[in-house]
Every structure is written in structure tokens, then in C-alpha cells.
């Protein structure tokens, strides 16, 4: 969860600085980590 927060914060910072490619990369990593976390927690139930 902390890793997802970190990617989200980095994406927001890159958008504010106008660095769109890195913002998109961080957003992609945020989504990937979110899906992985969801799959891991879903199987645990």
C-alpha cells in the first residue's frame, strides 16, 4: 500500500512539473501495483 502511495505522489509531482512521460510511467506502475495487491488479497480470503 505504501508503494502505491509513493507512485501516486511521484505521478502528481511529475504532472506539476510538466514531465508527462514520467507521470505516465508512475501512473502505470501505480495501477500495476494496485492490481497485484488486489489479486493477492483476493486469494487470501
C-alpha atoms as a PDB file:
ATOM      1  CA  UNK A   1       0.000   0.000   0.000  1.00  0.00           C
ATOM      2  CA  UNK A   2       2.824   2.397   0.811  1.00  0.00           C
ATOM      3  CA  UNK A   3       4.377   1.666  -2.575  1.00  0.00           C
ATOM      4  CA  UNK A   4       1.132   2.645  -4.296  1.00  0.00           C
ATOM      5  CA  UNK A   5       1.031   5.916  -2.349  1.00  0.00           C
ATOM      6  CA  UNK A   6       4.611   6.637  -3.365  1.00  0.00           C
ATOM      7  CA  UNK A   7       3.887   6.104  -7.061  1.00  0.00           C
ATOM      8  CA  UNK A   8       0.809   8.323  -6.793  1.00  0.00           C
ATOM      9  CA  UNK A   9       2.770  11.128  -5.142  1.00  0.00           C
ATOM     10  CA  UNK A  10       5.522  10.869  -7.750  1.00  0.00           C
ATOM     11  CA  UNK A  11       2.969  10.967 -10.573  1.00  0.00           C
ATOM     12  CA  UNK A  12       1.386  14.135  -9.133  1.00  0.00           C
ATOM     13  CA  UNK A  13       4.805  15.789  -8.767  1.00  0.00           C
ATOM     14  CA  UNK A  14       5.788  14.965 -12.344  1.00  0.00           C
ATOM     15  CA  UNK A  15       2.467  16.340 -13.638  1.00  0.00           C
ATOM     16  CA  UNK A  16       3.017  19.568 -11.688  1.00  0.00           C
ATOM     17  CA  UNK A  17       6.496  19.924 -13.218  1.00  0.00           C
ATOM     18  CA  UNK A  18       5.171  19.196 -16.708  1.00  0.00           C
ATOM     19  CA  UNK A  19       7.112  15.953 -17.112  1.00  0.00           C
ATOM     20  CA  UNK A  20       4.370  13.908 -18.747  1.00  0.00           C
ATOM     21  CA  UNK A  21       6.314  10.725 -19.738  1.00  0.00           C
ATOM     22  CA  UNK A  22       7.478  10.107 -16.166  1.00  0.00           C
ATOM     23  CA  UNK A  23       3.993  10.909 -14.851  1.00  0.00           C
ATOM     24  CA  UNK A  24       2.514   8.281 -17.178  1.00  0.00           C
ATOM     25  CA  UNK A  25       5.161   5.771 -16.102  1.00  0.00           C
ATOM     26  CA  UNK A  26       4.379   6.352 -12.429  1.00  0.00           C
ATOM     27  CA  UNK A  27       0.650   6.070 -13.108  1.00  0.00           C
ATOM     28  CA  UNK A  28       1.228   2.776 -14.922  1.00  0.00           C
ATOM     29  CA  UNK A  29       3.278   1.419 -12.011  1.00  0.00           C
ATOM     30  CA  UNK A  30       0.586   2.605  -9.582  1.00  0.00           C
ATOM     31  CA  UNK A  31      -2.087   0.686 -11.482  1.00  0.00           C
ATOM     32  CA  UNK A  32       0.122  -2.401 -11.806  1.00  0.00           C
ATOM     33  CA  UNK A  33       0.866  -2.445  -8.081  1.00  0.00           C
ATOM     34  CA  UNK A  34      -2.806  -1.899  -7.289  1.00  0.00           C
ATOM     35  CA  UNK A  35      -3.872  -4.845  -9.431  1.00  0.00           C
ATOM     36  CA  UNK A  36      -1.187  -7.055  -7.897  1.00  0.00           C
ATOM     37  CA  UNK A  37      -2.236  -6.074  -4.377  1.00  0.00           C
ATOM     38  CA  UNK A  38      -5.901  -6.729  -5.227  1.00  0.00           C
ATOM     39  CA  UNK A  39      -5.075 -10.186  -6.622  1.00  0.00           C
ATOM     40  CA  UNK A  40      -3.004 -11.115  -3.571  1.00  0.00           C
ATOM     41  CA  UNK A  41      -5.661 -10.004  -1.090  1.00  0.00           C
ATOM     42  CA  UNK A  42      -8.481 -11.621  -3.059  1.00  0.00           C
ATOM     43  CA  UNK A  43      -6.806 -15.032  -2.985  1.00  0.00           C
ATOM     44  CA  UNK A  44      -6.254 -14.799   0.753  1.00  0.00           C
ATOM     45  CA  UNK A  45      -9.978 -14.875   1.510  1.00  0.00           C
END
